[in-house]
């Protein structure tokens, strides 16, 4: 037996027209109104950034499931992360309030300054985190890279811009 879709295809334009005109609506029903435009989003505030950082730090501690001894080593790590984020915010604000760079060399100089500042923040974080990391189990250490944004910790030279501690700079 051979099925033919020709009658159904022939009705398709009529069905589309009926739906467009509302003929297919039950009596008294109104066609759906397009959704109202979304109100503009409130600006991202310093309080928003602080709340997100607090949540990330709490989540990191939760993911690691710190022991009481490890908890004692946590404060310098948290302070280094907070300092890095504070620096990233300051660099972004300075960049946004500065006049545009005059030429490509000025852009490169700004990039170099930013990368140098990130490097200092990373080194401070590593120094603070080294004693803490020495207290972690292999399972805990395994959870850190993906959580902080280091997608491929085995890469030859990952980019520091992918770490969430610097995202406020972007």
C-alpha atoms as a PDB file:
ATOM      1  CA  UNK A   1       0.000   0.000   0.000  1.00  0.00           C
ATOM      2  CA  UNK A   2       1.369   3.350  -0.972  1.00  0.00           C
ATOM      3  CA  UNK A   3       0.673   6.389   1.226  1.00  0.00           C
ATOM      4  CA  UNK A   4       0.295   9.816  -0.315  1.00  0.00           C
ATOM      5  CA  UNK A   5       0.857  13.051   1.516  1.00  0.00           C
ATOM      6  CA  UNK A   6      -0.466  15.174  -1.377  1.00  0.00           C
ATOM      7  CA  UNK A   7      -3.878  15.966   0.254  1.00  0.00           C
ATOM      8  CA  UNK A   8      -2.213  17.045   3.500  1.00  0.00           C
ATOM      9  CA  UNK A   9       0.321  19.165   1.632  1.00  0.00           C
ATOM     10  CA  UNK A  10      -2.452  20.793  -0.344  1.00  0.00           C
ATOM     11  CA  UNK A  11      -4.155  21.840   2.905  1.00  0.00           C
ATOM     12  CA  UNK A  12      -1.003  23.327   4.444  1.00  0.00           C
ATOM     13  CA  UNK A  13      -1.415  26.840   2.951  1.00  0.00           C
ATOM     14  CA  UNK A  14      -5.076  26.955   3.996  1.00  0.00           C
ATOM     15  CA  UNK A  15      -4.196  25.820   7.528  1.00  0.00           C
ATOM     16  CA  UNK A  16      -1.460  28.443   7.796  1.00  0.00           C
ATOM     17  CA  UNK A  17      -3.868  31.145   6.661  1.00  0.00           C
ATOM     18  CA  UNK A  18      -6.532  29.981   9.127  1.00  0.00           C
ATOM     19  CA  UNK A  19      -4.056  30.029  11.995  1.00  0.00           C
ATOM     20  CA  UNK A  20      -2.835  33.460  10.967  1.00  0.00           C
ATOM     21  CA  UNK A  21      -6.368  34.849  10.886  1.00  0.00           C
ATOM     22  CA  UNK A  22      -7.293  33.189  14.166  1.00  0.00           C
ATOM     23  CA  UNK A  23      -9.945  30.975  12.611  1.00  0.00           C
ATOM     24  CA  UNK A  24      -8.609  27.986  14.528  1.00  0.00           C
ATOM     25  CA  UNK A  25      -9.136  29.652  17.924  1.00  0.00           C
ATOM     26  CA  UNK A  26     -12.056  28.528  20.094  1.00  0.00           C
ATOM     27  CA  UNK A  27     -14.943  30.972  20.371  1.00  0.00           C
ATOM     28  CA  UNK A  28     -14.077  33.934  22.553  1.00  0.00           C
ATOM     29  CA  UNK A  29     -10.360  33.117  22.705  1.00  0.00           C
ATOM     30  CA  UNK A  30      -7.851  35.824  21.971  1.00  0.00           C
ATOM     31  CA  UNK A  31      -4.683  35.236  19.988  1.00  0.00           C
ATOM     32  CA  UNK A  32      -1.566  35.114  22.119  1.00  0.00           C
ATOM     33  CA  UNK A  33       0.090  38.462  22.569  1.00  0.00           C
ATOM     34  CA  UNK A  34       3.756  38.707  21.844  1.00  0.00           C
ATOM     35  CA  UNK A  35       5.756  38.805  25.062  1.00  0.00           C
ATOM     36  CA  UNK A  36       6.385  42.271  26.388  1.00  0.00           C
ATOM     37  CA  UNK A  37       9.903  43.535  26.004  1.00  0.00           C
ATOM     38  CA  UNK A  38      12.123  42.659  28.903  1.00  0.00           C
ATOM     39  CA  UNK A  39      13.000  45.648  31.041  1.00  0.00           C
ATOM     40  CA  UNK A  40      16.648  46.568  30.822  1.00  0.00           C
ATOM     41  CA  UNK A  41      18.842  44.669  33.244  1.00  0.00           C
ATOM     42  CA  UNK A  42      20.025  46.552  36.275  1.00  0.00           C
ATOM     43  CA  UNK A  43      23.678  47.530  36.057  1.00  0.00           C
ATOM     44  CA  UNK A  44      26.214  45.114  37.505  1.00  0.00           C
ATOM     45  CA  UNK A  45      27.297  46.695  40.780  1.00  0.00           C
ATOM     46  CA  UNK A  46      30.256  46.348  43.099  1.00  0.00           C
ATOM     47  CA  UNK A  47      27.876  44.653  45.552  1.00  0.00           C
ATOM     48  CA  UNK A  48      26.979  42.117  42.844  1.00  0.00           C
ATOM     49  CA  UNK A  49      30.656  41.393  42.237  1.00  0.00           C
ATOM     50  CA  UNK A  50      31.306  40.994  45.980  1.00  0.00           C
ATOM     51  CA  UNK A  51      28.343  38.639  46.381  1.00  0.00           C
ATOM     52  CA  UNK A  52      29.496  36.494  43.460  1.00  0.00           C
ATOM     53  CA  UNK A  53      33.040  36.338  44.836  1.00  0.00           C
ATOM     54  CA  UNK A  54      31.719  35.353  48.284  1.00  0.00           C
ATOM     55  CA  UNK A  55      29.626  32.611  46.687  1.00  0.00           C
ATOM     56  CA  UNK A  56      32.550  31.297  44.640  1.00  0.00           C
ATOM     57  CA  UNK A  57      34.832  31.161  47.649  1.00  0.00           C
ATOM     58  CA  UNK A  58      32.185  29.380  49.712  1.00  0.00           C
ATOM     59  CA  UNK A  59      31.567  26.969  46.841  1.00  0.00           C
ATOM     60  CA  UNK A  60      35.288  26.256  46.457  1.00  0.00           C
ATOM     61  CA  UNK A  61      35.560  25.419  50.144  1.00  0.00           C
ATOM     62  CA  UNK A  62      32.478  23.212  49.829  1.00  0.00           C
ATOM     63  CA  UNK A  63      33.846  21.420  46.766  1.00  0.00           C
ATOM     64  CA  UNK A  64      37.112  20.750  48.585  1.00  0.00           C
ATOM     65  CA  UNK A  65      35.409  19.524  51.780  1.00  0.00           C
ATOM     66  CA  UNK A  66      38.127  20.936  53.998  1.00  0.00           C
ATOM     67  CA  UNK A  67      39.181  19.233  57.181  1.00  0.00           C
ATOM     68  CA  UNK A  68      39.586  21.336  60.351  1.00  0.00           C
ATOM     69  CA  UNK A  69      43.377  21.367  59.828  1.00  0.00           C
ATOM     70  CA  UNK A  70      42.963  22.502  56.227  1.00  0.00           C
ATOM     71  CA  UNK A  71      40.516  25.219  57.331  1.00  0.00           C
ATOM     72  CA  UNK A  72      43.354  26.781  59.346  1.00  0.00           C
ATOM     73  CA  UNK A  73      45.415  27.147  56.141  1.00  0.00           C
ATOM     74  CA  UNK A  74      42.555  28.655  54.114  1.00  0.00           C
ATOM     75  CA  UNK A  75      42.605  32.392  55.160  1.00  0.00           C
ATOM     76  CA  UNK A  76      45.792  33.345  53.241  1.00  0.00           C
ATOM     77  CA  UNK A  77      44.424  31.615  50.128  1.00  0.00           C
ATOM     78  CA  UNK A  78      41.151  33.493  50.371  1.00  0.00           C
ATOM     79  CA  UNK A  79      42.985  36.782  50.972  1.00  0.00           C
ATOM     80  CA  UNK A  80      45.166  36.226  47.879  1.00  0.00           C
ATOM     81  CA  UNK A  81      42.095  35.511  45.749  1.00  0.00           C
ATOM     82  CA  UNK A  82      40.317  38.603  47.082  1.00  0.00           C
ATOM     83  CA  UNK A  83      43.407  40.730  46.383  1.00  0.00           C
ATOM     84  CA  UNK A  84      43.640  39.367  42.826  1.00  0.00           C
ATOM     85  CA  UNK A  85      39.975  40.144  42.173  1.00  0.00           C
ATOM     86  CA  UNK A  86      40.359  43.616  43.680  1.00  0.00           C
ATOM     87  CA  UNK A  87      43.306  44.265  41.369  1.00  0.00           C
ATOM     88  CA  UNK A  88      41.384  43.011  38.341  1.00  0.00           C
ATOM     89  CA  UNK A  89      38.501  45.355  39.155  1.00  0.00           C
ATOM     90  CA  UNK A  90      40.883  48.301  39.596  1.00  0.00           C
ATOM     91  CA  UNK A  91      42.557  47.589  36.242  1.00  0.00           C
ATOM     92  CA  UNK A  92      39.190  47.388  34.482  1.00  0.00           C
ATOM     93  CA  UNK A  93      38.012  50.653  36.030  1.00  0.00           C
ATOM     94  CA  UNK A  94      41.263  52.378  35.113  1.00  0.00           C
ATOM     95  CA  UNK A  95      41.028  51.102  31.541  1.00  0.00           C
ATOM     96  CA  UNK A  96      37.399  52.222  31.181  1.00  0.00           C
ATOM     97  CA  UNK A  97      38.067  55.707  32.572  1.00  0.00           C
ATOM     98  CA  UNK A  98      41.267  56.299  30.569  1.00  0.00           C
ATOM     99  CA  UNK A  99      41.290  57.923  27.160  1.00  0.00           C
ATOM    100  CA  UNK A 100      41.556  55.441  24.295  1.00  0.00           C
ATOM    101  CA  UNK A 101      45.100  54.389  23.416  1.00  0.00           C
ATOM    102  CA  UNK A 102      46.682  56.590  20.771  1.00  0.00           C
ATOM    103  CA  UNK A 103      48.137  53.754  18.685  1.00  0.00           C
ATOM    104  CA  UNK A 104      48.952  50.065  18.519  1.00  0.00           C
ATOM    105  CA  UNK A 105      52.079  50.452  20.657  1.00  0.00           C
ATOM    106  CA  UNK A 106      50.025  52.079  23.398  1.00  0.00           C
ATOM    107  CA  UNK A 107      47.604  49.142  23.234  1.00  0.00           C
ATOM    108  CA  UNK A 108      50.494  46.694  23.534  1.00  0.00           C
ATOM    109  CA  UNK A 109      51.915  48.640  26.490  1.00  0.00           C
ATOM    110  CA  UNK A 110      48.526  48.444  28.251  1.00  0.00           C
ATOM    111  CA  UNK A 111      48.373  44.710  27.560  1.00  0.00           C
ATOM    112  CA  UNK A 112      51.876  44.238  28.963  1.00  0.00           C
ATOM    113  CA  UNK A 113      51.025  46.196  32.099  1.00  0.00           C
ATOM    114  CA  UNK A 114      47.858  44.167  32.616  1.00  0.00           C
ATOM    115  CA  UNK A 115      49.625  40.845  32.103  1.00  0.00           C
ATOM    116  CA  UNK A 116      52.412  41.890  34.458  1.00  0.00           C
ATOM    117  CA  UNK A 117      49.873  42.786  37.154  1.00  0.00           C
ATOM    118  CA  UNK A 118      48.059  39.470  36.663  1.00  0.00           C
ATOM    119  CA  UNK A 119      51.377  37.652  36.928  1.00  0.00           C
ATOM    120  CA  UNK A 120      52.087  39.335  40.274  1.00  0.00           C
ATOM    121  CA  UNK A 121      48.629  38.377  41.525  1.00  0.00           C
ATOM    122  CA  UNK A 122      49.104  34.794  40.381  1.00  0.00           C
ATOM    123  CA  UNK A 123      52.485  34.550  42.080  1.00  0.00           C
ATOM    124  CA  UNK A 124      50.992  35.909  45.314  1.00  0.00           C
ATOM    125  CA  UNK A 125      48.179  33.369  45.044  1.00  0.00           C
ATOM    126  CA  UNK A 126      50.621  30.504  44.428  1.00  0.00           C
ATOM    127  CA  UNK A 127      52.739  31.562  47.405  1.00  0.00           C
ATOM    128  CA  UNK A 128      49.671  31.697  49.663  1.00  0.00           C
ATOM    129  CA  UNK A 129      48.197  28.478  48.296  1.00  0.00           C
ATOM    130  CA  UNK A 130      51.337  26.309  48.413  1.00  0.00           C
ATOM    131  CA  UNK A 131      51.141  25.366  52.114  1.00  0.00           C
ATOM    132  CA  UNK A 132      47.388  24.913  51.769  1.00  0.00           C
ATOM    133  CA  UNK A 133      47.730  22.706  48.680  1.00  0.00           C
ATOM    134  CA  UNK A 134      50.315  20.557  50.453  1.00  0.00           C
ATOM    135  CA  UNK A 135      47.620  19.632  52.977  1.00  0.00           C
ATOM    136  CA  UNK A 136      45.078  18.551  50.333  1.00  0.00           C
ATOM    137  CA  UNK A 137      44.430  15.010  49.189  1.00  0.00           C
ATOM    138  CA  UNK A 138      44.818  14.016  45.534  1.00  0.00           C
ATOM    139  CA  UNK A 139      41.034  13.974  45.195  1.00  0.00           C
ATOM    140  CA  UNK A 140      40.811  17.545  46.521  1.00  0.00           C
ATOM    141  CA  UNK A 141      43.639  18.715  44.270  1.00  0.00           C
ATOM    142  CA  UNK A 142      41.889  17.149  41.291  1.00  0.00           C
ATOM    143  CA  UNK A 143      38.784  19.320  41.862  1.00  0.00           C
ATOM    144  CA  UNK A 144      40.555  22.676  41.838  1.00  0.00           C
ATOM    145  CA  UNK A 145      41.521  23.334  38.176  1.00  0.00           C
ATOM    146  CA  UNK A 146      38.083  23.019  36.637  1.00  0.00           C
ATOM    147  CA  UNK A 147      36.484  24.922  39.495  1.00  0.00           C
ATOM    148  CA  UNK A 148      38.735  27.979  39.135  1.00  0.00           C
ATOM    149  CA  UNK A 149      38.356  28.037  35.350  1.00  0.00           C
ATOM    150  CA  UNK A 150      41.537  26.267  34.316  1.00  0.00           C
ATOM    151  CA  UNK A 151      39.887  24.030  31.747  1.00  0.00           C
ATOM    152  CA  UNK A 152      42.986  22.174  30.632  1.00  0.00           C
ATOM    153  CA  UNK A 153      45.547  22.092  33.412  1.00  0.00           C
ATOM    154  CA  UNK A 154      47.742  19.863  31.260  1.00  0.00           C
ATOM    155  CA  UNK A 155      48.067  22.463  28.491  1.00  0.00           C
ATOM    156  CA  UNK A 156      51.572  23.696  27.804  1.00  0.00           C
ATOM    157  CA  UNK A 157      50.728  27.327  28.594  1.00  0.00           C
ATOM    158  CA  UNK A 158      47.172  28.020  29.713  1.00  0.00           C
ATOM    159  CA  UNK A 159      45.898  31.580  29.546  1.00  0.00           C
ATOM    160  CA  UNK A 160      45.451  33.389  32.872  1.00  0.00           C
ATOM    161  CA  UNK A 161      42.484  35.310  31.446  1.00  0.00           C
ATOM    162  CA  UNK A 162      40.393  32.137  31.661  1.00  0.00           C
ATOM    163  CA  UNK A 163      40.635  32.133  35.485  1.00  0.00           C
ATOM    164  CA  UNK A 164      37.573  33.580  37.181  1.00  0.00           C
ATOM    165  CA  UNK A 165      39.738  35.563  39.593  1.00  0.00           C
ATOM    166  CA  UNK A 166      40.572  37.859  36.632  1.00  0.00           C
ATOM    167  CA  UNK A 167      37.197  37.967  34.871  1.00  0.00           C
ATOM    168  CA  UNK A 168      36.279  41.310  36.446  1.00  0.00           C
ATOM    169  CA  UNK A 169      39.151  42.792  34.440  1.00  0.00           C
ATOM    170  CA  UNK A 170      37.666  41.856  31.084  1.00  0.00           C
END
